[in-house]
Amino acid sequence: MNIIRYTAVVLIALLCISCGGKLNRQITEAEHQHTEQHDHPHSNTKQGIKLSAERLNTKQAIDTIYMGRVSAGEIVTKKVVVRNEESEPMLLLSSRTTCGCVGVEFSTEPIQGERSRDIEVRFDSAGYGGRFSQNLYLTTSLSEEPLHLVITADVR
């Protein structure tokens, strides 16, 4: 019985060594894809952030933007699609962050009804390490309630 256990442990160890760590890399990439494509209402940036007065007024307009794996000191940007779900034009009015390391650039031109536009989110990883998370709030002409974006990254 001990020989069988020993043989099984050796075979598993050899299998792990022969894959050269690829198993860990695949899991990490799968987790990243899950973060990007997750379908719950707090993380739909892959299809675009859908904005409506109803969604903003329920105070449930929260989306997560994963900036990826970032080297310490690196500045990364990500384009994110914002979609106006209303029939009337919408304006992006202002932004507020919980950290100066996060910023956003957007056009002040109206987004016509049922149309989309890219915004650009920026993260400066200088001084950070490990799992990073900060908040970004965008005020629109649809509601006094802002869109809440949670900006996350893994800083190496």
C-alpha atoms as a PDB file:
ATOM      1  CA  MET A   1       0.000   0.000   0.000  1.00  0.00           C
ATOM      2  CA  ASN A   2       2.845   2.412   0.849  1.00  0.00           C
ATOM      3  CA  ILE A   3       4.524   1.612  -2.482  1.00  0.00           C
ATOM      4  CA  ILE A   4       1.365   2.588  -4.361  1.00  0.00           C
ATOM      5  CA  ARG A   5       1.126   5.901  -2.471  1.00  0.00           C
ATOM      6  CA  TYR A   6       4.811   6.587  -2.998  1.00  0.00           C
ATOM      7  CA  THR A   7       4.519   5.805  -6.732  1.00  0.00           C
ATOM      8  CA  ALA A   8       1.452   8.067  -7.045  1.00  0.00           C
ATOM      9  CA  VAL A   9       3.260  10.955  -5.308  1.00  0.00           C
ATOM     10  CA  VAL A  10       6.321  10.518  -7.540  1.00  0.00           C
ATOM     11  CA  LEU A  11       4.171  10.422 -10.692  1.00  0.00           C
ATOM     12  CA  ILE A  12       2.288  13.559  -9.678  1.00  0.00           C
ATOM     13  CA  ALA A  13       5.570  15.326  -8.881  1.00  0.00           C
ATOM     14  CA  LEU A  14       7.024  14.321 -12.249  1.00  0.00           C
ATOM     15  CA  LEU A  15       3.892  15.512 -14.014  1.00  0.00           C
ATOM     16  CA  CYS A  16       4.084  18.882 -12.242  1.00  0.00           C
ATOM     17  CA  ILE A  17       7.773  19.256 -13.064  1.00  0.00           C
ATOM     18  CA  SER A  18       7.236  18.324 -16.715  1.00  0.00           C
ATOM     19  CA  CYS A  19       4.532  20.970 -17.201  1.00  0.00           C
ATOM     20  CA  GLY A  20       7.070  23.642 -16.220  1.00  0.00           C
ATOM     21  CA  GLY A  21       4.543  25.675 -14.257  1.00  0.00           C
ATOM     22  CA  LYS A  22       2.151  25.949 -17.204  1.00  0.00           C
ATOM     23  CA  LEU A  23      -0.724  24.750 -15.046  1.00  0.00           C
ATOM     24  CA  ASN A  24      -0.374  27.790 -12.759  1.00  0.00           C
ATOM     25  CA  ARG A  25      -0.166  30.176 -15.732  1.00  0.00           C
ATOM     26  CA  GLN A  26      -3.319  28.672 -17.282  1.00  0.00           C
ATOM     27  CA  ILE A  27      -5.244  29.054 -14.045  1.00  0.00           C
ATOM     28  CA  THR A  28      -4.148  32.669 -13.739  1.00  0.00           C
ATOM     29  CA  GLU A  29      -5.185  33.424 -17.333  1.00  0.00           C
ATOM     30  CA  ALA A  30      -8.519  31.690 -16.746  1.00  0.00           C
ATOM     31  CA  GLU A  31      -9.094  33.796 -13.638  1.00  0.00           C
ATOM     32  CA  HIS A  32      -8.259  36.919 -15.644  1.00  0.00           C
ATOM     33  CA  GLN A  33     -10.706  35.937 -18.388  1.00  0.00           C
ATOM     34  CA  HIS A  34     -13.344  35.273 -15.727  1.00  0.00           C
ATOM     35  CA  THR A  35     -12.836  38.781 -14.326  1.00  0.00           C
ATOM     36  CA  GLU A  36     -13.103  40.303 -17.809  1.00  0.00           C
ATOM     37  CA  GLN A  37     -16.139  38.290 -18.916  1.00  0.00           C
ATOM     38  CA  HIS A  38     -18.032  37.754 -15.690  1.00  0.00           C
ATOM     39  CA  ASP A  39     -21.700  38.329 -16.355  1.00  0.00           C
ATOM     40  CA  HIS A  40     -23.021  39.702 -13.060  1.00  0.00           C
ATOM     41  CA  PRO A  41     -24.091  43.367 -13.058  1.00  0.00           C
ATOM     42  CA  HIS A  42     -20.970  44.546 -11.255  1.00  0.00           C
ATOM     43  CA  SER A  43     -18.545  43.491 -13.965  1.00  0.00           C
ATOM     44  CA  ASN A  44     -19.909  43.902 -17.463  1.00  0.00           C
ATOM     45  CA  THR A  45     -17.192  46.068 -19.010  1.00  0.00           C
ATOM     46  CA  LYS A  46     -16.501  43.474 -21.726  1.00  0.00           C
ATOM     47  CA  GLN A  47     -19.868  44.270 -23.322  1.00  0.00           C
ATOM     48  CA  GLY A  48     -19.801  47.897 -22.232  1.00  0.00           C
ATOM     49  CA  ILE A  49     -21.140  49.717 -19.220  1.00  0.00           C
ATOM     50  CA  LYS A  50     -24.856  50.220 -19.783  1.00  0.00           C
ATOM     51  CA  LEU A  51     -26.228  53.402 -18.270  1.00  0.00           C
ATOM     52  CA  SER A  52     -29.817  54.400 -17.749  1.00  0.00           C
ATOM     53  CA  ALA A  53     -31.549  56.733 -15.307  1.00  0.00           C
ATOM     54  CA  GLU A  54     -33.283  53.740 -13.752  1.00  0.00           C
ATOM     55  CA  ARG A  55     -30.015  51.882 -13.126  1.00  0.00           C
ATOM     56  CA  LEU A  56     -28.265  54.938 -11.684  1.00  0.00           C
ATOM     57  CA  ASN A  57     -31.201  55.854  -9.442  1.00  0.00           C
ATOM     58  CA  THR A  58     -31.272  52.392  -7.863  1.00  0.00           C
ATOM     59  CA  LYS A  59     -27.723  53.060  -6.638  1.00  0.00           C
ATOM     60  CA  GLN A  60     -26.735  49.704  -8.150  1.00  0.00           C
ATOM     61  CA  ALA A  61     -24.604  51.135 -10.973  1.00  0.00           C
ATOM     62  CA  ILE A  62     -21.348  49.462  -9.959  1.00  0.00           C
ATOM     63  CA  ASP A  63     -18.899  48.017 -12.478  1.00  0.00           C
ATOM     64  CA  THR A  64     -15.421  46.552 -12.060  1.00  0.00           C
ATOM     65  CA  ILE A  65     -12.572  47.369 -14.416  1.00  0.00           C
ATOM     66  CA  TYR A  66      -9.650  44.961 -14.183  1.00  0.00           C
ATOM     67  CA  MET A  67      -6.453  46.666 -15.358  1.00  0.00           C
ATOM     68  CA  GLY A  68      -4.536  43.381 -15.488  1.00  0.00           C
ATOM     69  CA  ARG A  69      -1.196  42.279 -14.100  1.00  0.00           C
ATOM     70  CA  VAL A  70       0.953  45.376 -13.818  1.00  0.00           C
ATOM     71  CA  SER A  71       4.631  45.878 -13.000  1.00  0.00           C
ATOM     72  CA  ALA A  72       5.266  48.232 -10.076  1.00  0.00           C
ATOM     73  CA  GLY A  73       5.750  51.762 -11.412  1.00  0.00           C
ATOM     74  CA  GLU A  74       3.933  51.041 -14.679  1.00  0.00           C
ATOM     75  CA  ILE A  75       1.154  53.324 -15.950  1.00  0.00           C
ATOM     76  CA  VAL A  76      -1.612  51.418 -17.723  1.00  0.00           C
ATOM     77  CA  THR A  77      -4.689  52.590 -19.571  1.00  0.00           C
ATOM     78  CA  LYS A  78      -7.797  50.757 -20.645  1.00  0.00           C
ATOM     79  CA  LYS A  79     -10.550  51.811 -23.009  1.00  0.00           C
ATOM     80  CA  VAL A  80     -14.009  51.088 -21.673  1.00  0.00           C
ATOM     81  CA  VAL A  81     -17.249  51.360 -23.633  1.00  0.00           C
ATOM     82  CA  VAL A  82     -20.036  53.409 -22.031  1.00  0.00           C
ATOM     83  CA  ARG A  83     -23.475  52.893 -23.551  1.00  0.00           C
ATOM     84  CA  ASN A  84     -26.385  55.306 -23.168  1.00  0.00           C
ATOM     85  CA  GLU A  85     -29.455  53.064 -22.806  1.00  0.00           C
ATOM     86  CA  GLU A  86     -31.842  56.034 -22.874  1.00  0.00           C
ATOM     87  CA  SER A  87     -33.439  57.485 -25.996  1.00  0.00           C
ATOM     88  CA  GLU A  88     -32.282  61.017 -25.086  1.00  0.00           C
ATOM     89  CA  PRO A  89     -28.637  62.216 -25.231  1.00  0.00           C
ATOM     90  CA  MET A  90     -26.490  61.792 -22.121  1.00  0.00           C
ATOM     91  CA  LEU A  91     -23.535  63.852 -20.933  1.00  0.00           C
ATOM     92  CA  LEU A  92     -20.601  62.663 -18.855  1.00  0.00           C
ATOM     93  CA  LEU A  93     -20.257  65.607 -16.477  1.00  0.00           C
ATOM     94  CA  SER A  94     -17.477  64.948 -13.986  1.00  0.00           C
ATOM     95  CA  SER A  95     -15.334  62.352 -12.260  1.00  0.00           C
ATOM     96  CA  ARG A  96     -14.100  61.803  -8.720  1.00  0.00           C
ATOM     97  CA  THR A  97     -11.618  59.226  -7.444  1.00  0.00           C
ATOM     98  CA  THR A  98     -10.522  57.892  -4.079  1.00  0.00           C
ATOM     99  CA  CYS A  99      -6.869  58.024  -5.170  1.00  0.00           C
ATOM    100  CA  GLY A 100      -4.751  60.245  -7.391  1.00  0.00           C
ATOM    101  CA  CYS A 101      -3.316  57.082  -8.956  1.00  0.00           C
ATOM    102  CA  VAL A 102      -6.568  56.551 -10.895  1.00  0.00           C
ATOM    103  CA  GLY A 103      -7.858  58.865 -13.586  1.00  0.00           C
ATOM    104  CA  VAL A 104     -10.294  58.939 -16.472  1.00  0.00           C
ATOM    105  CA  GLU A 105     -10.500  60.816 -19.749  1.00  0.00           C
ATOM    106  CA  PHE A 106     -13.774  61.276 -21.568  1.00  0.00           C
ATOM    107  CA  SER A 107     -15.371  63.553 -24.117  1.00  0.00           C
ATOM    108  CA  THR A 108     -17.889  66.127 -22.917  1.00  0.00           C
ATOM    109  CA  GLU A 109     -19.805  65.769 -26.191  1.00  0.00           C
ATOM    110  CA  PRO A 110     -23.262  64.197 -25.707  1.00  0.00           C
ATOM    111  CA  ILE A 111     -23.619  60.455 -26.162  1.00  0.00           C
ATOM    112  CA  GLN A 112     -26.723  60.135 -28.298  1.00  0.00           C
ATOM    113  CA  GLY A 113     -29.553  57.841 -27.220  1.00  0.00           C
ATOM    114  CA  GLU A 114     -28.794  54.132 -27.579  1.00  0.00           C
ATOM    115  CA  ARG A 115     -25.198  54.885 -28.647  1.00  0.00           C
ATOM    116  CA  SER A 116     -21.805  54.153 -27.104  1.00  0.00           C
ATOM    117  CA  ARG A 117     -18.527  55.941 -26.568  1.00  0.00           C
ATOM    118  CA  ASP A 118     -15.126  54.932 -25.221  1.00  0.00           C
ATOM    119  CA  ILE A 119     -13.677  56.413 -22.078  1.00  0.00           C
ATOM    120  CA  GLU A 120     -10.063  55.857 -21.049  1.00  0.00           C
ATOM    121  CA  VAL A 121      -9.247  54.757 -17.491  1.00  0.00           C
ATOM    122  CA  ARG A 122      -5.661  55.203 -16.264  1.00  0.00           C
ATOM    123  CA  PHE A 123      -3.851  53.611 -13.321  1.00  0.00           C
ATOM    124  CA  ASP A 124      -0.376  54.608 -12.110  1.00  0.00           C
ATOM    125  CA  SER A 125       1.009  51.695 -10.080  1.00  0.00           C
ATOM    126  CA  ALA A 126       3.949  53.619  -8.567  1.00  0.00           C
ATOM    127  CA  GLY A 127       4.151  52.795  -4.861  1.00  0.00           C
ATOM    128  CA  TYR A 128       1.711  49.883  -4.996  1.00  0.00           C
ATOM    129  CA  GLY A 129       2.156  46.119  -4.706  1.00  0.00           C
ATOM    130  CA  GLY A 130      -0.174  43.152  -4.615  1.00  0.00           C
ATOM    131  CA  ARG A 131      -3.922  43.353  -5.195  1.00  0.00           C
ATOM    132  CA  PHE A 132      -4.996  46.930  -5.915  1.00  0.00           C
ATOM    133  CA  SER A 133      -8.514  48.382  -5.691  1.00  0.00           C
ATOM    134  CA  GLN A 134      -9.718  51.994  -5.803  1.00  0.00           C
ATOM    135  CA  ASN A 135     -12.970  53.744  -6.687  1.00  0.00           C
ATOM    136  CA  LEU A 136     -13.851  56.060  -9.545  1.00  0.00           C
ATOM    137  CA  TYR A 137     -17.191  57.876  -9.739  1.00  0.00           C
ATOM    138  CA  LEU A 138     -18.628  59.331 -12.964  1.00  0.00           C
ATOM    139  CA  THR A 139     -21.494  61.795 -12.807  1.00  0.00           C
ATOM    140  CA  THR A 140     -23.823  61.885 -15.810  1.00  0.00           C
ATOM    141  CA  SER A 141     -26.763  63.998 -16.904  1.00  0.00           C
ATOM    142  CA  LEU A 142     -29.064  61.002 -16.325  1.00  0.00           C
ATOM    143  CA  SER A 143     -29.068  61.136 -12.528  1.00  0.00           C
ATOM    144  CA  GLU A 144     -27.540  62.781  -9.483  1.00  0.00           C
ATOM    145  CA  GLU A 145     -26.362  59.287  -8.504  1.00  0.00           C
ATOM    146  CA  PRO A 146     -22.939  58.572 -10.029  1.00  0.00           C
ATOM    147  CA  LEU A 147     -21.708  55.497 -11.829  1.00  0.00           C
ATOM    148  CA  HIS A 148     -19.367  53.694  -9.407  1.00  0.00           C
ATOM    149  CA  LEU A 149     -16.363  52.029 -11.034  1.00  0.00           C
ATOM    150  CA  VAL A 150     -14.090  49.787  -8.975  1.00  0.00           C
ATOM    151  CA  ILE A 151     -10.615  49.803 -10.538  1.00  0.00           C
ATOM    152  CA  THR A 152      -8.586  46.678  -9.738  1.00  0.00           C
ATOM    153  CA  ALA A 153      -5.146  45.386 -10.711  1.00  0.00           C
ATOM    154  CA  ASP A 154      -2.524  42.891  -9.620  1.00  0.00           C
ATOM    155  CA  VAL A 155       0.736  44.802  -9.109  1.00  0.00           C
ATOM    156  CA  ARG A 156       3.977  42.793  -9.223  1.00  0.00           C
END
